[in-house]
Amino acid sequence: MAKNKLKKFAEINSFSNVIQPPAYYSISRFSYRGKWKEEFFRNENPLILEIGCGKGEYTIGMARAMPGYNFIGIDIKGDRLWKGAREALDEGLYNVGFLRVKAEAINSFFGKNEVQGIWLTFPDPHLRKSRSGKRLTSPRFLEKYSRLLTPGSPVHLKTDNHSLHSYTLDVIRENGHKLLVQTDDLYNDPDIRETLLKDIQTYYEEKFLAENKPICYLKFALNATQPK
């Protein structure tokens, strides 16, 4: 392992805005579950998650732009989280934190109706059919999100992958979820007027735009009848 990566792993252990639960944590043992606002952020502001946040560019960008919200970036790669966490500490952004866990375990760390929005920014599309259950917009994952989200709260997907975009549209329609916004070319769609969608960009988003790849975007709310 490179020395720089080892240094980041050592440093991130001291960061006050990073939570790294041991793998053996159970739902009943994680103290912040259901209490993130009161015990971690010390306020009652709405809580937004970015799942698979990478280096945290989007999480940080949203935290800067919306100080009246709390944000948590989730990723399993500690060396990636280091960058966003370091940046937040350096800027004094107290409305942002990072959680180092696998996305599959998300229900162990957040309580019912605790979250007011979820962002999925350029996730791995897992193009092989045999890996479709690993897609972060698969019915398997949407069922997990339904346990966390307050009713009507949105799920956002940004992707350059048209197959994932189309797949997610099918999942939304087949499961009776409510499609709120849909575009297969975000930056050239005159109907998209929400400036933050374009002002905040990840490393990969900047790269894809430089290559003239269109960016797809979906915003939807989960069916209230999803099993809890």
C-alpha atoms as a PDB file:
ATOM      1  CA  MET A   1       0.000   0.000   0.000  1.00  0.00           C
ATOM      2  CA  ALA A   2       1.371   3.446  -0.958  1.00  0.00           C
ATOM      3  CA  LYS A   3       2.707   5.599   1.878  1.00  0.00           C
ATOM      4  CA  ASN A   4       0.326   8.428   0.977  1.00  0.00           C
ATOM      5  CA  LYS A   5      -2.679   6.130   1.317  1.00  0.00           C
ATOM      6  CA  LEU A   6      -1.431   4.833   4.663  1.00  0.00           C
ATOM      7  CA  LYS A   7      -1.013   8.416   5.846  1.00  0.00           C
ATOM      8  CA  LYS A   8      -4.602   9.221   4.851  1.00  0.00           C
ATOM      9  CA  PHE A   9      -5.922   6.148   6.682  1.00  0.00           C
ATOM     10  CA  ALA A  10      -4.044   7.179   9.806  1.00  0.00           C
ATOM     11  CA  GLU A  11      -5.180  10.797   9.594  1.00  0.00           C
ATOM     12  CA  ILE A  12      -8.836  10.059   8.900  1.00  0.00           C
ATOM     13  CA  ASN A  13      -9.036   8.178  12.201  1.00  0.00           C
ATOM     14  CA  SER A  14      -8.646  11.505  13.976  1.00  0.00           C
ATOM     15  CA  PHE A  15     -11.259  13.405  11.946  1.00  0.00           C
ATOM     16  CA  SER A  16     -14.254  14.481  14.032  1.00  0.00           C
ATOM     17  CA  ASN A  17     -16.538  14.499  10.977  1.00  0.00           C
ATOM     18  CA  VAL A  18     -15.883  10.873   9.950  1.00  0.00           C
ATOM     19  CA  ILE A  19     -17.618   7.859  11.473  1.00  0.00           C
ATOM     20  CA  GLN A  20     -15.994   4.471  10.819  1.00  0.00           C
ATOM     21  CA  PRO A  21     -18.035   1.806  12.619  1.00  0.00           C
ATOM     22  CA  PRO A  22     -16.470  -1.644  13.014  1.00  0.00           C
ATOM     23  CA  ALA A  23     -17.956  -4.207  10.653  1.00  0.00           C
ATOM     24  CA  TYR A  24     -19.593  -6.084  13.519  1.00  0.00           C
ATOM     25  CA  TYR A  25     -21.919  -3.211  14.548  1.00  0.00           C
ATOM     26  CA  SER A  26     -25.538  -4.299  14.811  1.00  0.00           C
ATOM     27  CA  ILE A  27     -28.588  -2.080  14.351  1.00  0.00           C
ATOM     28  CA  SER A  28     -29.185  -1.911  18.081  1.00  0.00           C
ATOM     29  CA  ARG A  29     -25.589  -0.964  18.897  1.00  0.00           C
ATOM     30  CA  PHE A  30     -25.038   2.022  16.579  1.00  0.00           C
ATOM     31  CA  SER A  31     -25.686   5.023  18.790  1.00  0.00           C
ATOM     32  CA  TYR A  32     -26.422   7.621  16.101  1.00  0.00           C
ATOM     33  CA  ARG A  33     -29.119   5.531  14.422  1.00  0.00           C
ATOM     34  CA  GLY A  34     -32.289   7.620  14.587  1.00  0.00           C
ATOM     35  CA  LYS A  35     -30.407  10.403  16.379  1.00  0.00           C
ATOM     36  CA  TRP A  36     -28.050  11.927  13.796  1.00  0.00           C
ATOM     37  CA  LYS A  37     -29.623  15.388  14.002  1.00  0.00           C
ATOM     38  CA  GLU A  38     -29.598  15.643  17.778  1.00  0.00           C
ATOM     39  CA  GLU A  39     -26.371  13.838  18.649  1.00  0.00           C
ATOM     40  CA  PHE A  40     -24.068  14.330  15.655  1.00  0.00           C
ATOM     41  CA  PHE A  41     -25.165  17.642  14.114  1.00  0.00           C
ATOM     42  CA  ARG A  42     -26.750  19.102  17.274  1.00  0.00           C
ATOM     43  CA  ASN A  43     -29.666  20.647  15.380  1.00  0.00           C
ATOM     44  CA  GLU A  44     -33.030  19.722  13.844  1.00  0.00           C
ATOM     45  CA  ASN A  45     -32.204  20.512  10.204  1.00  0.00           C
ATOM     46  CA  PRO A  46     -33.261  18.078   7.441  1.00  0.00           C
ATOM     47  CA  LEU A  47     -30.825  15.256   6.739  1.00  0.00           C
ATOM     48  CA  ILE A  48     -29.636  14.469   3.191  1.00  0.00           C
ATOM     49  CA  LEU A  49     -27.462  11.487   2.185  1.00  0.00           C
ATOM     50  CA  GLU A  50     -25.117  10.989  -0.743  1.00  0.00           C
ATOM     51  CA  ILE A  51     -24.566   7.267  -1.183  1.00  0.00           C
ATOM     52  CA  GLY A  52     -21.323   6.338  -2.911  1.00  0.00           C
ATOM     53  CA  CYS A  53     -19.950   9.840  -2.435  1.00  0.00           C
ATOM     54  CA  GLY A  54     -16.351   9.091  -3.453  1.00  0.00           C
ATOM     55  CA  LYS A  55     -14.195  12.099  -2.598  1.00  0.00           C
ATOM     56  CA  GLY A  56     -17.242  14.004  -1.398  1.00  0.00           C
ATOM     57  CA  GLU A  57     -17.365  16.778  -4.000  1.00  0.00           C
ATOM     58  CA  TYR A  58     -21.150  16.740  -4.202  1.00  0.00           C
ATOM     59  CA  THR A  59     -21.677  16.362  -0.462  1.00  0.00           C
ATOM     60  CA  ILE A  60     -19.355  19.320   0.174  1.00  0.00           C
ATOM     61  CA  GLY A  61     -20.923  21.387  -2.588  1.00  0.00           C
ATOM     62  CA  MET A  62     -24.421  20.891  -1.200  1.00  0.00           C
ATOM     63  CA  ALA A  63     -23.272  21.656   2.344  1.00  0.00           C
ATOM     64  CA  ARG A  64     -21.787  24.952   1.185  1.00  0.00           C
ATOM     65  CA  ALA A  65     -24.864  25.923  -0.801  1.00  0.00           C
ATOM     66  CA  MET A  66     -27.481  24.855   1.763  1.00  0.00           C
ATOM     67  CA  PRO A  67     -26.365  25.660   5.317  1.00  0.00           C
ATOM     68  CA  GLY A  68     -29.854  24.952   6.632  1.00  0.00           C
ATOM     69  CA  TYR A  69     -29.484  21.228   5.843  1.00  0.00           C
ATOM     70  CA  ASN A  70     -27.306  18.437   7.238  1.00  0.00           C
ATOM     71  CA  PHE A  71     -25.397  16.223   4.795  1.00  0.00           C
ATOM     72  CA  ILE A  72     -23.743  12.828   5.147  1.00  0.00           C
ATOM     73  CA  GLY A  73     -21.530  11.342   2.453  1.00  0.00           C
ATOM     74  CA  ILE A  74     -21.342   7.548   2.493  1.00  0.00           C
ATOM     75  CA  ASP A  75     -18.583   5.457   0.949  1.00  0.00           C
ATOM     76  CA  ILE A  76     -16.526   2.417   1.902  1.00  0.00           C
ATOM     77  CA  LYS A  77     -13.198   3.757   0.585  1.00  0.00           C
ATOM     78  CA  GLY A  78     -11.431   5.642   3.371  1.00  0.00           C
ATOM     79  CA  ASP A  79      -8.783   7.226   1.149  1.00  0.00           C
ATOM     80  CA  ARG A  80     -11.578   8.769  -0.946  1.00  0.00           C
ATOM     81  CA  LEU A  81     -13.488  10.085   2.058  1.00  0.00           C
ATOM     82  CA  TRP A  82     -10.303  11.680   3.385  1.00  0.00           C
ATOM     83  CA  LYS A  83     -10.393  14.438   0.753  1.00  0.00           C
ATOM     84  CA  GLY A  84     -13.956  15.575   1.427  1.00  0.00           C
ATOM     85  CA  ALA A  85     -13.589  15.260   5.182  1.00  0.00           C
ATOM     86  CA  ARG A  86     -10.323  17.236   5.180  1.00  0.00           C
ATOM     87  CA  GLU A  87     -11.900  19.950   3.037  1.00  0.00           C
ATOM     88  CA  ALA A  88     -14.942  20.238   5.306  1.00  0.00           C
ATOM     89  CA  LEU A  89     -12.762  20.568   8.395  1.00  0.00           C
ATOM     90  CA  ASP A  90     -10.533  23.163   6.750  1.00  0.00           C
ATOM     91  CA  GLU A  91     -13.579  25.235   5.731  1.00  0.00           C
ATOM     92  CA  GLY A  92     -15.387  24.849   9.042  1.00  0.00           C
ATOM     93  CA  LEU A  93     -18.417  23.172   7.468  1.00  0.00           C
ATOM     94  CA  TYR A  94     -20.267  21.804  10.467  1.00  0.00           C
ATOM     95  CA  ASN A  95     -23.335  20.653   8.519  1.00  0.00           C
ATOM     96  CA  VAL A  96     -21.494  17.812   6.802  1.00  0.00           C
ATOM     97  CA  GLY A  97     -20.232  14.427   7.967  1.00  0.00           C
ATOM     98  CA  PHE A  98     -18.975  11.211   6.399  1.00  0.00           C
ATOM     99  CA  LEU A  99     -19.839   7.596   7.147  1.00  0.00           C
ATOM    100  CA  ARG A 100     -17.512   4.804   6.043  1.00  0.00           C
ATOM    101  CA  VAL A 101     -19.769   1.804   5.451  1.00  0.00           C
ATOM    102  CA  LYS A 102     -21.005  -0.293   2.550  1.00  0.00           C
ATOM    103  CA  ALA A 103     -24.233   0.911   0.925  1.00  0.00           C
ATOM    104  CA  GLU A 104     -25.790  -2.514   1.541  1.00  0.00           C
ATOM    105  CA  ALA A 105     -25.619  -1.897   5.305  1.00  0.00           C
ATOM    106  CA  ILE A 106     -27.347   1.481   5.275  1.00  0.00           C
ATOM    107  CA  ASN A 107     -30.364   0.372   7.315  1.00  0.00           C
ATOM    108  CA  SER A 108     -28.081  -0.427  10.235  1.00  0.00           C
ATOM    109  CA  PHE A 109     -27.095   3.218  10.538  1.00  0.00           C
ATOM    110  CA  PHE A 110     -30.243   5.286   9.917  1.00  0.00           C
ATOM    111  CA  GLY A 111     -33.662   5.017  11.488  1.00  0.00           C
ATOM    112  CA  LYS A 112     -37.146   4.983   9.989  1.00  0.00           C
ATOM    113  CA  ASN A 113     -38.126   8.322   8.382  1.00  0.00           C
ATOM    114  CA  GLU A 114     -34.831   9.888   9.508  1.00  0.00           C
ATOM    115  CA  VAL A 115     -33.707  11.050   6.053  1.00  0.00           C
ATOM    116  CA  GLN A 116     -35.214  13.772   3.833  1.00  0.00           C
ATOM    117  CA  GLY A 117     -33.394  13.061   0.570  1.00  0.00           C
ATOM    118  CA  ILE A 118     -30.888  10.743  -1.130  1.00  0.00           C
ATOM    119  CA  TRP A 119     -28.403  11.556  -3.881  1.00  0.00           C
ATOM    120  CA  LEU A 120     -26.743   8.988  -6.162  1.00  0.00           C
ATOM    121  CA  THR A 121     -24.069  10.742  -8.213  1.00  0.00           C
ATOM    122  CA  PHE A 122     -22.427   8.740 -10.987  1.00  0.00           C
ATOM    123  CA  PRO A 123     -22.698   5.334  -9.294  1.00  0.00           C
ATOM    124  CA  ASP A 124     -21.235   2.187 -10.800  1.00  0.00           C
ATOM    125  CA  PRO A 125     -23.869   1.090 -13.373  1.00  0.00           C
ATOM    126  CA  HIS A 126     -23.068  -2.633 -12.937  1.00  0.00           C
ATOM    127  CA  LEU A 127     -23.954  -3.286 -16.566  1.00  0.00           C
ATOM    128  CA  ARG A 128     -23.935  -7.087 -16.403  1.00  0.00           C
ATOM    129  CA  LYS A 129     -27.439  -8.428 -15.875  1.00  0.00           C
ATOM    130  CA  SER A 130     -26.105 -10.792 -13.210  1.00  0.00           C
ATOM    131  CA  ARG A 131     -25.043  -7.738 -11.164  1.00  0.00           C
ATOM    132  CA  SER A 132     -28.260  -5.744 -11.539  1.00  0.00           C
ATOM    133  CA  GLY A 133     -29.054  -6.222  -7.842  1.00  0.00           C
ATOM    134  CA  LYS A 134     -25.956  -4.166  -7.005  1.00  0.00           C
ATOM    135  CA  ARG A 135     -27.239  -1.109  -8.873  1.00  0.00           C
ATOM    136  CA  LEU A 136     -28.045   1.635  -6.386  1.00  0.00           C
ATOM    137  CA  THR A 137     -31.422   2.162  -8.077  1.00  0.00           C
ATOM    138  CA  SER A 138     -32.416  -1.519  -8.097  1.00  0.00           C
ATOM    139  CA  PRO A 139     -35.637  -2.528  -6.297  1.00  0.00           C
ATOM    140  CA  ARG A 140     -33.424  -4.088  -3.621  1.00  0.00           C
ATOM    141  CA  PHE A 141     -31.805  -0.742  -2.795  1.00  0.00           C
ATOM    142  CA  LEU A 142     -34.981   1.308  -3.200  1.00  0.00           C
ATOM    143  CA  GLU A 143     -36.601  -0.901  -0.580  1.00  0.00           C
ATOM    144  CA  LYS A 144     -33.736  -0.065   1.762  1.00  0.00           C
ATOM    145  CA  TYR A 145     -34.150   3.661   1.099  1.00  0.00           C
ATOM    146  CA  SER A 146     -37.886   3.454   1.753  1.00  0.00           C
ATOM    147  CA  ARG A 147     -37.172   2.558   5.377  1.00  0.00           C
ATOM    148  CA  LEU A 148     -35.041   5.689   5.863  1.00  0.00           C
ATOM    149  CA  LEU A 149     -36.888   8.364   3.916  1.00  0.00           C
ATOM    150  CA  THR A 150     -39.756  10.451   5.179  1.00  0.00           C
ATOM    151  CA  PRO A 151     -42.786  10.000   2.856  1.00  0.00           C
ATOM    152  CA  GLY A 152     -42.462  11.994  -0.350  1.00  0.00           C
ATOM    153  CA  SER A 153     -38.741  12.704   0.071  1.00  0.00           C
ATOM    154  CA  PRO A 154     -36.830  12.584  -3.231  1.00  0.00           C
ATOM    155  CA  VAL A 155     -34.190  10.266  -4.606  1.00  0.00           C
ATOM    156  CA  HIS A 156     -31.857  11.925  -7.146  1.00  0.00           C
ATOM    157  CA  LEU A 157     -29.767  10.131  -9.766  1.00  0.00           C
ATOM    158  CA  LYS A 158     -27.079  11.788 -11.867  1.00  0.00           C
ATOM    159  CA  THR A 159     -25.314   9.556 -14.388  1.00  0.00           C
ATOM    160  CA  ASP A 160     -23.574   9.593 -17.734  1.00  0.00           C
ATOM    161  CA  ASN A 161     -24.730   6.020 -18.345  1.00  0.00           C
ATOM    162  CA  HIS A 162     -27.863   5.846 -20.485  1.00  0.00           C
ATOM    163  CA  SER A 163     -28.386   2.169 -19.676  1.00  0.00           C
ATOM    164  CA  LEU A 164     -28.578   2.917 -15.945  1.00  0.00           C
ATOM    165  CA  HIS A 165     -30.835   5.895 -16.647  1.00  0.00           C
ATOM    166  CA  SER A 166     -33.236   3.743 -18.718  1.00  0.00           C
ATOM    167  CA  TYR A 167     -33.090   0.900 -16.215  1.00  0.00           C
ATOM    168  CA  THR A 168     -34.020   3.270 -13.382  1.00  0.00           C
ATOM    169  CA  LEU A 169     -36.923   4.717 -15.377  1.00  0.00           C
ATOM    170  CA  ASP A 170     -38.245   1.166 -15.841  1.00  0.00           C
ATOM    171  CA  VAL A 171     -37.886   0.435 -12.115  1.00  0.00           C
ATOM    172  CA  ILE A 172     -39.770   3.637 -11.260  1.00  0.00           C
ATOM    173  CA  ARG A 173     -42.646   2.838 -13.628  1.00  0.00           C
ATOM    174  CA  GLU A 174     -42.892  -0.864 -12.822  1.00  0.00           C
ATOM    175  CA  ASN A 175     -43.018  -0.234  -9.072  1.00  0.00           C
ATOM    176  CA  GLY A 176     -45.378   2.733  -9.044  1.00  0.00           C
ATOM    177  CA  HIS A 177     -42.861   5.301  -7.840  1.00  0.00           C
ATOM    178  CA  LYS A 178     -43.516   8.956  -8.650  1.00  0.00           C
ATOM    179  CA  LEU A 179     -41.296  10.431 -11.357  1.00  0.00           C
ATOM    180  CA  LEU A 180     -40.720  14.126 -10.589  1.00  0.00           C
ATOM    181  CA  VAL A 181     -38.013  15.203 -13.060  1.00  0.00           C
ATOM    182  CA  GLN A 182     -36.424  13.386 -15.991  1.00  0.00           C
ATOM    183  CA  THR A 183     -33.884  14.471 -18.568  1.00  0.00           C
ATOM    184  CA  ASP A 184     -31.283  12.664 -20.649  1.00  0.00           C
ATOM    185  CA  ASP A 185     -29.289  15.852 -21.270  1.00  0.00           C
ATOM    186  CA  LEU A 186     -29.235  17.964 -18.123  1.00  0.00           C
ATOM    187  CA  TYR A 187     -26.984  20.742 -19.354  1.00  0.00           C
ATOM    188  CA  ASN A 188     -28.923  21.332 -22.562  1.00  0.00           C
ATOM    189  CA  ASP A 189     -32.437  20.975 -21.170  1.00  0.00           C
ATOM    190  CA  PRO A 190     -34.121  24.417 -21.029  1.00  0.00           C
ATOM    191  CA  ASP A 191     -36.792  23.094 -18.664  1.00  0.00           C
ATOM    192  CA  ILE A 192     -34.258  22.377 -15.899  1.00  0.00           C
ATOM    193  CA  ARG A 193     -33.945  25.631 -13.989  1.00  0.00           C
ATOM    194  CA  GLU A 194     -32.617  24.381 -10.651  1.00  0.00           C
ATOM    195  CA  THR A 195     -29.157  25.956 -10.724  1.00  0.00           C
ATOM    196  CA  LEU A 196     -27.579  23.699  -8.080  1.00  0.00           C
ATOM    197  CA  LEU A 197     -28.031  20.701 -10.373  1.00  0.00           C
ATOM    198  CA  LYS A 198     -25.488  22.242 -12.716  1.00  0.00           C
ATOM    199  CA  ASP A 199     -23.391  24.358 -10.369  1.00  0.00           C
ATOM    200  CA  ILE A 200     -22.216  21.416  -8.250  1.00  0.00           C
ATOM    201  CA  GLN A 201     -20.151  18.872 -10.161  1.00  0.00           C
ATOM    202  CA  THR A 202     -18.133  15.817  -9.232  1.00  0.00           C
ATOM    203  CA  TYR A 203     -14.718  15.006 -10.651  1.00  0.00           C
ATOM    204  CA  TYR A 204     -16.301  12.488 -13.017  1.00  0.00           C
ATOM    205  CA  GLU A 205     -19.016  14.899 -14.069  1.00  0.00           C
ATOM    206  CA  GLU A 206     -16.412  17.500 -15.061  1.00  0.00           C
ATOM    207  CA  LYS A 207     -14.532  14.801 -16.958  1.00  0.00           C
ATOM    208  CA  PHE A 208     -17.636  13.612 -18.835  1.00  0.00           C
ATOM    209  CA  LEU A 209     -18.671  17.162 -19.715  1.00  0.00           C
ATOM    210  CA  ALA A 210     -15.179  17.845 -21.088  1.00  0.00           C
ATOM    211  CA  GLU A 211     -15.710  14.788 -23.316  1.00  0.00           C
ATOM    212  CA  ASN A 212     -19.096  16.206 -24.441  1.00  0.00           C
ATOM    213  CA  LYS A 213     -20.997  13.335 -22.857  1.00  0.00           C
ATOM    214  CA  PRO A 214     -24.610  14.224 -21.953  1.00  0.00           C
ATOM    215  CA  ILE A 215     -25.515  13.930 -18.283  1.00  0.00           C
ATOM    216  CA  CYS A 216     -28.779  12.201 -17.362  1.00  0.00           C
ATOM    217  CA  TYR A 217     -30.782  13.177 -14.297  1.00  0.00           C
ATOM    218  CA  LEU A 218     -33.771  11.673 -12.489  1.00  0.00           C
ATOM    219  CA  LYS A 219     -35.677  12.831  -9.436  1.00  0.00           C
ATOM    220  CA  PHE A 220     -38.369  10.581  -8.000  1.00  0.00           C
ATOM    221  CA  ALA A 221     -40.286   9.784  -4.838  1.00  0.00           C
ATOM    222  CA  LEU A 222     -40.809   6.228  -3.625  1.00  0.00           C
ATOM    223  CA  ASN A 223     -44.197   4.588  -3.581  1.00  0.00           C
ATOM    224  CA  ALA A 224     -45.753   5.017  -0.152  1.00  0.00           C
ATOM    225  CA  THR A 225     -46.786   1.334  -0.227  1.00  0.00           C
ATOM    226  CA  GLN A 226     -43.161   0.132  -0.348  1.00  0.00           C
ATOM    227  CA  PRO A 227     -42.669  -2.524   2.346  1.00  0.00           C
ATOM    228  CA  LYS A 228     -41.095  -1.216   5.566  1.00  0.00           C
END
